[in-house]
Amino acid sequence: LDEVERFYQWWGSFKSWRDFSSLGEHNIDEAHNRYERRAMQRENEKQGLEKKAEEQARIRRLKELGYNHDPRLRRRVVEAKKRKEEKFAAIEKAKKDEAEAAAKAKQEEEDE
């Protein structure tokens, strides 16, 4: 399971190397002056960052989908839940036995 966890950790911290700058709305070669060109570049960068964020969200959703449906991890969750229930049942049984022993001791005291 360590290998599975490492796999999902790697995808969880994955940073896409895709470059979205070419998808910009503005063609900076058509700018009339440097101020206009810089404004176009900023707008293109802003759009590129938005596209990159969408890409990261898509990758994150894909990773979470795989993580939530991975049978190896589901089995581990079920086993952990079962252990927790067994531990709780053992604690409850110990409390019940202790209460019964105290009641029995009290009953014996009253009988004497």
C-alpha atoms as a PDB file:
ATOM      1  CA  LEU A   1       0.000   0.000   0.000  1.00  0.00           C
ATOM      2  CA  ASP A   2       2.984   2.321   0.388  1.00  0.00           C
ATOM      3  CA  GLU A   3       3.469   2.198  -3.372  1.00  0.00           C
ATOM      4  CA  VAL A   4      -0.207   3.091  -3.912  1.00  0.00           C
ATOM      5  CA  GLU A   5       0.036   5.998  -1.458  1.00  0.00           C
ATOM      6  CA  ARG A   6       3.191   7.285  -3.167  1.00  0.00           C
ATOM      7  CA  PHE A   7       1.422   7.086  -6.528  1.00  0.00           C
ATOM      8  CA  TYR A   8      -1.473   9.236  -5.330  1.00  0.00           C
ATOM      9  CA  GLN A   9       0.852  11.630  -3.487  1.00  0.00           C
ATOM     10  CA  TRP A  10       2.847  12.130  -6.666  1.00  0.00           C
ATOM     11  CA  TRP A  11      -0.272  12.936  -8.661  1.00  0.00           C
ATOM     12  CA  GLY A  12      -1.531  15.135  -5.837  1.00  0.00           C
ATOM     13  CA  SER A  13       1.562  17.312  -6.041  1.00  0.00           C
ATOM     14  CA  PHE A  14       1.861  17.128  -9.834  1.00  0.00           C
ATOM     15  CA  LYS A  15       2.438  20.441 -11.613  1.00  0.00           C
ATOM     16  CA  SER A  16       1.601  20.483 -15.279  1.00  0.00           C
ATOM     17  CA  TRP A  17       4.366  21.594 -17.617  1.00  0.00           C
ATOM     18  CA  ARG A  18       1.885  22.579 -20.302  1.00  0.00           C
ATOM     19  CA  ASP A  19       2.213  26.123 -21.551  1.00  0.00           C
ATOM     20  CA  PHE A  20      -1.029  27.954 -22.180  1.00  0.00           C
ATOM     21  CA  SER A  21       0.503  31.252 -23.223  1.00  0.00           C
ATOM     22  CA  SER A  22      -0.073  30.524 -26.908  1.00  0.00           C
ATOM     23  CA  LEU A  23      -3.807  30.246 -26.269  1.00  0.00           C
ATOM     24  CA  GLY A  24      -4.056  33.952 -25.458  1.00  0.00           C
ATOM     25  CA  GLU A  25      -6.784  36.028 -27.027  1.00  0.00           C
ATOM     26  CA  HIS A  26      -4.505  38.829 -28.166  1.00  0.00           C
ATOM     27  CA  ASN A  27      -1.790  38.754 -30.808  1.00  0.00           C
ATOM     28  CA  ILE A  28       0.906  41.043 -29.396  1.00  0.00           C
ATOM     29  CA  ASP A  29       2.390  41.589 -32.857  1.00  0.00           C
ATOM     30  CA  GLU A  30      -0.679  43.645 -33.708  1.00  0.00           C
ATOM     31  CA  ALA A  31      -0.066  46.137 -30.897  1.00  0.00           C
ATOM     32  CA  HIS A  32       0.537  49.742 -31.956  1.00  0.00           C
ATOM     33  CA  ASN A  33       2.882  50.630 -29.094  1.00  0.00           C
ATOM     34  CA  ARG A  34       4.643  49.067 -26.129  1.00  0.00           C
ATOM     35  CA  TYR A  35       1.913  50.026 -23.642  1.00  0.00           C
ATOM     36  CA  GLU A  36      -0.693  48.256 -25.699  1.00  0.00           C
ATOM     37  CA  ARG A  37       1.649  45.253 -26.145  1.00  0.00           C
ATOM     38  CA  ARG A  38       2.260  45.032 -22.392  1.00  0.00           C
ATOM     39  CA  ALA A  39      -1.466  45.222 -21.692  1.00  0.00           C
ATOM     40  CA  MET A  40      -2.042  42.434 -24.198  1.00  0.00           C
ATOM     41  CA  GLN A  41       0.735  40.350 -22.640  1.00  0.00           C
ATOM     42  CA  ARG A  42      -0.752  40.800 -19.163  1.00  0.00           C
ATOM     43  CA  GLU A  43      -4.169  39.785 -20.442  1.00  0.00           C
ATOM     44  CA  ASN A  44      -2.711  36.722 -22.176  1.00  0.00           C
ATOM     45  CA  GLU A  45      -0.793  35.759 -19.015  1.00  0.00           C
ATOM     46  CA  LYS A  46      -3.949  36.126 -16.951  1.00  0.00           C
ATOM     47  CA  GLN A  47      -5.840  33.849 -19.326  1.00  0.00           C
ATOM     48  CA  GLY A  48      -2.926  31.389 -19.314  1.00  0.00           C
ATOM     49  CA  LEU A  49      -2.990  31.244 -15.514  1.00  0.00           C
ATOM     50  CA  GLU A  50      -6.727  30.599 -15.583  1.00  0.00           C
ATOM     51  CA  LYS A  51      -6.227  27.751 -18.079  1.00  0.00           C
ATOM     52  CA  LYS A  52      -3.414  26.343 -15.951  1.00  0.00           C
ATOM     53  CA  ALA A  53      -5.644  26.430 -12.854  1.00  0.00           C
ATOM     54  CA  GLU A  54      -8.362  24.605 -14.802  1.00  0.00           C
ATOM     55  CA  GLU A  55      -5.795  21.997 -15.858  1.00  0.00           C
ATOM     56  CA  GLN A  56      -4.617  21.523 -12.255  1.00  0.00           C
ATOM     57  CA  ALA A  57      -8.225  21.159 -11.092  1.00  0.00           C
ATOM     58  CA  ARG A  58      -8.861  18.571 -13.812  1.00  0.00           C
ATOM     59  CA  ILE A  59      -5.815  16.556 -12.759  1.00  0.00           C
ATOM     60  CA  ARG A  60      -6.801  16.831  -9.082  1.00  0.00           C
ATOM     61  CA  ARG A  61     -10.354  15.607  -9.837  1.00  0.00           C
ATOM     62  CA  LEU A  62      -8.951  12.687 -11.830  1.00  0.00           C
ATOM     63  CA  LYS A  63      -6.618  11.752  -8.963  1.00  0.00           C
ATOM     64  CA  GLU A  64      -9.431  11.975  -6.398  1.00  0.00           C
ATOM     65  CA  LEU A  65     -11.693   9.847  -8.581  1.00  0.00           C
ATOM     66  CA  GLY A  66      -9.025   7.150  -8.793  1.00  0.00           C
ATOM     67  CA  TYR A  67      -8.246   7.408  -5.081  1.00  0.00           C
ATOM     68  CA  ASN A  68     -11.891   7.117  -4.047  1.00  0.00           C
ATOM     69  CA  HIS A  69     -12.513   4.085  -6.280  1.00  0.00           C
ATOM     70  CA  ASP A  70      -9.250   2.214  -5.735  1.00  0.00           C
ATOM     71  CA  PRO A  71     -10.221  -1.227  -4.335  1.00  0.00           C
ATOM     72  CA  ARG A  72      -6.926  -1.545  -2.433  1.00  0.00           C
ATOM     73  CA  LEU A  73      -7.605   1.648  -0.503  1.00  0.00           C
ATOM     74  CA  ARG A  74     -11.277   0.799   0.013  1.00  0.00           C
ATOM     75  CA  ARG A  75     -10.275  -2.544   1.527  1.00  0.00           C
ATOM     76  CA  ARG A  76      -7.917  -0.752   3.906  1.00  0.00           C
ATOM     77  CA  VAL A  77     -10.687   1.629   5.013  1.00  0.00           C
ATOM     78  CA  VAL A  78     -13.067  -1.289   5.623  1.00  0.00           C
ATOM     79  CA  GLU A  79     -10.424  -3.133   7.649  1.00  0.00           C
ATOM     80  CA  ALA A  80      -9.674  -0.041   9.738  1.00  0.00           C
ATOM     81  CA  LYS A  81     -13.383   0.455  10.416  1.00  0.00           C
ATOM     82  CA  LYS A  82     -13.698  -3.201  11.438  1.00  0.00           C
ATOM     83  CA  ARG A  83     -10.712  -2.903  13.839  1.00  0.00           C
ATOM     84  CA  LYS A  84     -12.206   0.241  15.352  1.00  0.00           C
ATOM     85  CA  GLU A  85     -15.568  -1.477  15.891  1.00  0.00           C
ATOM     86  CA  GLU A  86     -13.844  -4.495  17.476  1.00  0.00           C
ATOM     87  CA  LYS A  87     -11.880  -2.231  19.803  1.00  0.00           C
ATOM     88  CA  PHE A  88     -15.061  -0.366  20.779  1.00  0.00           C
ATOM     89  CA  ALA A  89     -16.863  -3.692  21.391  1.00  0.00           C
ATOM     90  CA  ALA A  90     -13.995  -4.894  23.608  1.00  0.00           C
ATOM     91  CA  ILE A  91     -14.118  -1.674  25.648  1.00  0.00           C
ATOM     92  CA  GLU A  92     -17.895  -1.956  26.034  1.00  0.00           C
ATOM     93  CA  LYS A  93     -17.568  -5.619  27.080  1.00  0.00           C
ATOM     94  CA  ALA A  94     -14.923  -4.708  29.669  1.00  0.00           C
ATOM     95  CA  LYS A  95     -17.176  -1.981  31.092  1.00  0.00           C
ATOM     96  CA  LYS A  96     -20.135  -4.360  31.199  1.00  0.00           C
ATOM     97  CA  ASP A  97     -18.076  -7.094  32.916  1.00  0.00           C
ATOM     98  CA  GLU A  98     -16.770  -4.575  35.453  1.00  0.00           C
ATOM     99  CA  ALA A  99     -20.275  -3.352  36.208  1.00  0.00           C
ATOM    100  CA  GLU A 100     -21.524  -6.931  36.613  1.00  0.00           C
ATOM    101  CA  ALA A 101     -18.623  -7.772  38.956  1.00  0.00           C
ATOM    102  CA  ALA A 102     -19.338  -4.682  41.060  1.00  0.00           C
ATOM    103  CA  ALA A 103     -23.048  -5.547  41.216  1.00  0.00           C
ATOM    104  CA  LYS A 104     -22.246  -9.137  42.163  1.00  0.00           C
ATOM    105  CA  ALA A 105     -19.836  -7.976  44.895  1.00  0.00           C
ATOM    106  CA  LYS A 106     -22.464  -5.594  46.241  1.00  0.00           C
ATOM    107  CA  GLN A 107     -25.092  -8.345  46.187  1.00  0.00           C
ATOM    108  CA  GLU A 108     -22.761 -10.689  48.103  1.00  0.00           C
ATOM    109  CA  GLU A 109     -22.117  -7.950  50.691  1.00  0.00           C
ATOM    110  CA  GLU A 110     -25.827  -7.445  51.194  1.00  0.00           C
ATOM    111  CA  ASP A 111     -26.412 -11.191  51.532  1.00  0.00           C
ATOM    112  CA  GLU A 112     -23.909 -11.464  54.406  1.00  0.00           C
END
